[in-house]
Protein backbone atom coordinates (compact mmCIF):
# COMPACT_ATOMS: atom_id res chain seq x y z
CA MET A 1 -16.75 -51.71 -100.13
CA GLU A 2 -19.40 -50.83 -102.93
CA GLN A 3 -22.92 -51.95 -102.54
CA LEU A 4 -26.25 -52.45 -104.23
CA PRO A 5 -28.58 -49.44 -103.84
CA GLU A 6 -30.25 -49.91 -100.65
CA MET A 7 -33.56 -49.98 -102.28
CA LEU A 8 -33.13 -52.39 -105.49
CA PRO A 9 -34.57 -50.56 -108.81
CA ASP A 10 -37.44 -52.15 -110.67
CA ASN A 11 -35.09 -53.14 -113.46
CA PRO A 12 -31.91 -54.48 -112.94
CA LEU A 13 -30.66 -54.25 -116.50
CA PRO A 14 -29.47 -50.67 -116.16
CA ILE A 15 -27.02 -51.43 -114.12
CA VAL A 16 -25.97 -54.43 -115.76
CA ARG A 17 -25.07 -52.14 -118.79
CA GLN A 18 -23.56 -49.83 -116.55
CA TRP A 19 -21.17 -52.51 -115.10
CA LEU A 20 -20.18 -53.19 -118.77
CA ASP A 21 -19.63 -50.21 -119.41
CA CYS A 22 -17.06 -49.66 -116.76
CA ALA A 23 -15.40 -52.79 -117.71
CA ARG A 24 -15.28 -51.53 -121.15
CA ASN A 25 -13.40 -48.69 -119.70
CA ASN A 26 -11.53 -49.89 -116.92
CA GLY A 27 -8.27 -51.06 -119.27
CA GLY A 28 -8.32 -54.34 -117.52
CA TYR A 29 -10.29 -56.50 -119.83
CA PRO A 30 -9.35 -57.79 -123.34
CA ASN A 31 -12.58 -58.81 -123.52
CA PRO A 32 -15.18 -57.03 -121.32
CA ASP A 33 -18.12 -58.12 -122.75
CA ALA A 34 -17.49 -62.03 -122.66
CA MET A 35 -20.08 -64.22 -120.93
CA ALA A 36 -20.31 -67.78 -119.98
CA LEU A 37 -23.36 -69.18 -121.96
CA ALA A 38 -24.89 -72.58 -120.31
CA THR A 39 -27.02 -74.86 -122.93
CA VAL A 40 -28.48 -78.04 -122.30
CA SER A 41 -28.71 -80.51 -125.41
CA SER A 42 -31.55 -82.74 -126.47
CA ASP A 43 -30.16 -85.94 -124.36
CA GLY A 44 -29.61 -83.50 -121.25
CA GLN A 45 -25.80 -82.79 -121.21
CA PRO A 46 -25.25 -79.28 -119.95
CA THR A 47 -22.49 -77.50 -121.86
CA ASN A 48 -20.54 -74.04 -121.14
CA ARG A 49 -18.94 -71.85 -123.56
CA VAL A 50 -18.19 -68.04 -123.55
CA VAL A 51 -19.56 -65.65 -126.11
CA LEU A 52 -19.73 -62.21 -126.47
CA CYS A 53 -22.44 -59.81 -125.37
CA LYS A 54 -22.88 -57.39 -128.06
CA GLN A 55 -25.94 -55.21 -126.73
CA ILE A 56 -27.92 -55.05 -123.67
CA VAL A 57 -31.67 -53.80 -124.25
CA ASP A 58 -32.99 -52.67 -121.15
CA ASP A 59 -36.56 -52.64 -122.33
CA PRO A 60 -38.53 -54.90 -122.79
CA GLY A 61 -35.05 -56.70 -121.54
CA TYR A 62 -32.62 -58.87 -123.53
CA LEU A 63 -29.17 -59.60 -124.50
CA VAL A 64 -27.83 -60.20 -128.01
CA PHE A 65 -24.98 -62.52 -128.80
CA TYR A 66 -23.87 -63.74 -132.49
CA THR A 67 -22.76 -67.10 -133.47
CA ASN A 68 -23.37 -69.73 -136.24
CA TYR A 69 -26.56 -70.98 -136.45
CA GLU A 70 -25.42 -74.67 -137.01
CA SER A 71 -23.06 -74.98 -134.17
CA ALA A 72 -23.15 -76.88 -131.05
CA LYS A 73 -24.65 -74.09 -129.16
CA ALA A 74 -27.34 -73.79 -131.42
CA ASN A 75 -28.26 -77.18 -131.79
CA ALA A 76 -28.76 -77.06 -128.11
CA ILE A 77 -30.55 -73.83 -128.15
CA ALA A 78 -32.89 -75.47 -131.02
CA SER A 79 -33.83 -78.27 -128.47
CA ARG A 80 -34.22 -76.34 -125.76
CA ASN A 81 -34.40 -72.79 -125.57
CA SER A 82 -33.60 -72.05 -121.73
CA VAL A 83 -29.96 -70.73 -120.77
CA ALA A 84 -27.91 -69.31 -118.38
CA ALA A 85 -25.11 -67.14 -118.53
CA VAL A 86 -22.41 -65.22 -116.41
CA PHE A 87 -20.08 -62.00 -116.55
CA HIS A 88 -17.45 -62.33 -113.85
CA TRP A 89 -15.53 -58.87 -113.54
CA ASP A 90 -12.91 -59.75 -110.58
CA LEU A 91 -11.33 -56.63 -111.18
CA LEU A 92 -14.40 -54.67 -110.11
CA ASN A 93 -15.43 -57.07 -107.68
CA ARG A 94 -18.73 -57.70 -109.52
CA GLN A 95 -20.64 -60.54 -110.93
CA VAL A 96 -23.99 -60.83 -112.97
CA ARG A 97 -25.67 -64.33 -113.54
CA LEU A 98 -28.40 -64.40 -116.10
CA GLU A 99 -31.36 -66.85 -117.19
CA GLY A 100 -33.78 -66.74 -119.73
CA VAL A 101 -34.96 -68.12 -123.05
CA VAL A 102 -33.32 -67.46 -126.70
CA GLU A 103 -34.83 -66.59 -129.94
CA LYS A 104 -32.96 -65.82 -133.30
CA SER A 105 -32.76 -61.74 -133.70
CA PRO A 106 -34.53 -60.23 -136.49
CA ALA A 107 -32.61 -60.79 -140.15
CA GLU A 108 -32.30 -56.84 -140.48
CA GLU A 109 -30.68 -56.78 -136.60
CA SER A 110 -28.19 -59.73 -138.06
CA ASP A 111 -27.25 -58.09 -141.25
CA ALA A 112 -26.69 -54.78 -139.82
CA TYR A 113 -24.17 -56.32 -137.53
CA PHE A 114 -22.50 -58.71 -139.53
CA ALA A 115 -21.73 -55.42 -142.07
CA SER A 116 -20.24 -53.90 -139.18
CA ARG A 117 -17.35 -56.34 -138.19
CA ASP A 118 -14.20 -56.29 -140.20
CA ARG A 119 -13.66 -58.19 -143.56
CA GLU A 120 -11.52 -60.81 -142.09
CA GLY A 121 -14.48 -61.75 -139.65
CA GLN A 122 -16.76 -62.02 -142.31
CA VAL A 123 -14.50 -64.33 -144.70
CA GLY A 124 -14.41 -66.37 -141.36
CA ALA A 125 -17.82 -66.49 -140.99
CA TRP A 126 -18.26 -67.94 -144.45
CA ALA A 127 -14.74 -70.47 -143.97
CA SER A 128 -15.68 -72.24 -141.00
CA ALA A 129 -18.22 -75.01 -140.28
CA GLN A 130 -18.05 -74.08 -136.30
CA SER A 131 -18.30 -77.59 -134.22
CA GLU A 132 -17.98 -79.81 -137.25
CA PRO A 133 -14.95 -82.09 -137.10
CA ILE A 134 -11.93 -81.34 -139.51
CA GLU A 135 -8.74 -83.66 -140.37
CA GLU A 136 -6.30 -81.55 -140.38
CA ARG A 137 -6.15 -77.19 -139.83
CA ALA A 138 -4.95 -76.95 -143.40
CA GLN A 139 -8.41 -77.95 -144.46
CA LEU A 140 -9.71 -74.88 -142.43
CA LEU A 141 -7.15 -72.62 -144.13
CA ARG A 142 -7.76 -73.68 -147.53
CA ALA A 143 -11.53 -72.70 -147.19
CA LEU A 144 -10.49 -69.51 -145.66
CA LYS A 145 -8.31 -68.89 -149.07
CA ALA A 146 -11.01 -70.14 -151.11
CA MET A 147 -13.79 -67.69 -149.79
CA ASN A 148 -10.87 -64.67 -149.91
CA ARG A 149 -10.64 -65.67 -153.38
CA ARG A 150 -14.62 -65.55 -153.79
CA PHE A 151 -14.79 -62.05 -152.14
CA ALA A 152 -11.86 -60.73 -153.69
CA ASP A 153 -13.32 -57.76 -155.46
CA GLY A 154 -13.98 -56.00 -152.71
CA GLN A 155 -17.98 -55.75 -152.80
CA PRO A 156 -19.64 -55.78 -149.45
CA ILE A 157 -19.73 -59.39 -147.72
CA PRO A 158 -23.20 -60.89 -147.65
CA ARG A 159 -23.91 -62.36 -144.14
CA PRO A 160 -24.49 -66.08 -144.62
CA ALA A 161 -27.68 -67.77 -144.01
CA HIS A 162 -26.35 -69.98 -141.32
CA TRP A 163 -24.71 -67.01 -138.87
CA GLY A 164 -26.69 -64.50 -137.24
CA GLY A 165 -27.83 -63.44 -134.01
CA TYR A 166 -29.83 -64.48 -130.97
CA ARG A 167 -31.30 -62.76 -128.49
CA ILE A 168 -31.61 -64.05 -124.63
CA TRP A 169 -35.18 -62.52 -123.22
CA LEU A 170 -34.43 -62.48 -119.52
CA THR A 171 -36.32 -64.33 -116.86
CA ALA A 172 -33.92 -63.75 -113.99
CA VAL A 173 -30.92 -61.34 -113.35
CA GLU A 174 -28.67 -61.93 -109.93
CA LEU A 175 -26.33 -58.83 -109.06
CA TRP A 176 -23.27 -59.57 -106.95
CA VAL A 177 -21.01 -57.38 -105.37
CA ARG A 178 -17.96 -58.89 -103.38
CA GLY A 179 -18.11 -57.83 -99.32
CA ASP A 180 -15.67 -57.86 -96.32
CA ALA A 181 -15.60 -60.97 -94.48
CA ARG A 182 -17.36 -62.81 -97.46
CA LEU A 183 -20.64 -60.84 -96.70
CA HIS A 184 -21.43 -60.37 -100.67
CA ASP A 185 -24.34 -58.36 -101.52
CA ARG A 186 -26.63 -59.98 -103.54
CA GLY A 187 -30.02 -58.95 -105.49
CA ARG A 188 -31.99 -60.85 -107.55
CA TRP A 189 -34.82 -60.03 -110.14
CA GLN A 190 -37.16 -62.39 -111.60
CA ARG A 191 -40.20 -62.32 -114.17
CA THR A 192 -41.92 -64.32 -116.25
CA LEU A 193 -42.71 -64.10 -120.05
CA SER A 194 -45.66 -64.76 -122.35
CA ASP A 195 -45.36 -65.44 -125.79
CA VAL A 196 -46.86 -62.49 -128.18
CA ALA A 197 -47.51 -62.27 -132.24
CA ALA A 198 -46.21 -64.41 -134.94
CA GLU A 199 -43.29 -62.09 -135.51
CA GLY A 200 -41.67 -63.12 -132.55
CA GLY A 201 -40.42 -61.93 -129.33
CA PHE A 202 -42.26 -61.95 -125.91
CA GLN A 203 -44.36 -59.78 -123.47
CA PRO A 204 -42.55 -59.79 -120.20
CA GLN A 205 -44.33 -59.42 -116.52
CA ALA A 206 -42.76 -56.66 -114.33
CA TRP A 207 -39.82 -57.49 -112.70
CA SER A 208 -39.87 -58.78 -108.61
CA SER A 209 -36.83 -58.56 -106.53
CA CYS A 210 -35.28 -59.45 -103.08
CA ARG A 211 -31.89 -59.55 -101.52
CA LEU A 212 -30.21 -62.50 -100.72
CA GLN A 213 -27.95 -63.76 -98.08
CA PRO A 214 -24.14 -64.98 -98.98
């Protein structure tokens, strides 16, 4: 059975990125970059949903996902910006648990990713008020038609202000590999983050690591 390196590396994120690439190339996962993201609302209610990890930056150490800035998850993040996330690739016998602090991605980064999306996805981001109640699905389809008419000239579609990226600045990473007799191999890395200049971001400290019993 596969194991983690005997001497755990200083930074776990190259392994996470390697595992994600392996899942993408495996062919058995329709959404290999899917991760469960847990948030806590202002009234203390935990909530979980699946989002797509679009980027892993080893150094300084954050993940990126995109969503509606007016959604339920965004409201929870605005209230409490500590989150947890999980990748689980069952066919590969691997799992990654993550903890961190969230901030919005730079606008230019969100613009670039939005421009890379297919046109239907761009129009859909304009049409949907994510997480808001709706009387009937036909109402959403009418909104989609209206946006298709609005952007019918074929010109580039701008990113709506209510849509963009988030960076999860990681404070903990745990790697799990399935083992025989349920003696799974687990490694955990932790670090602290310090606030930096007004332009955003954090100054991370060095990772510390240890092996955990299953």
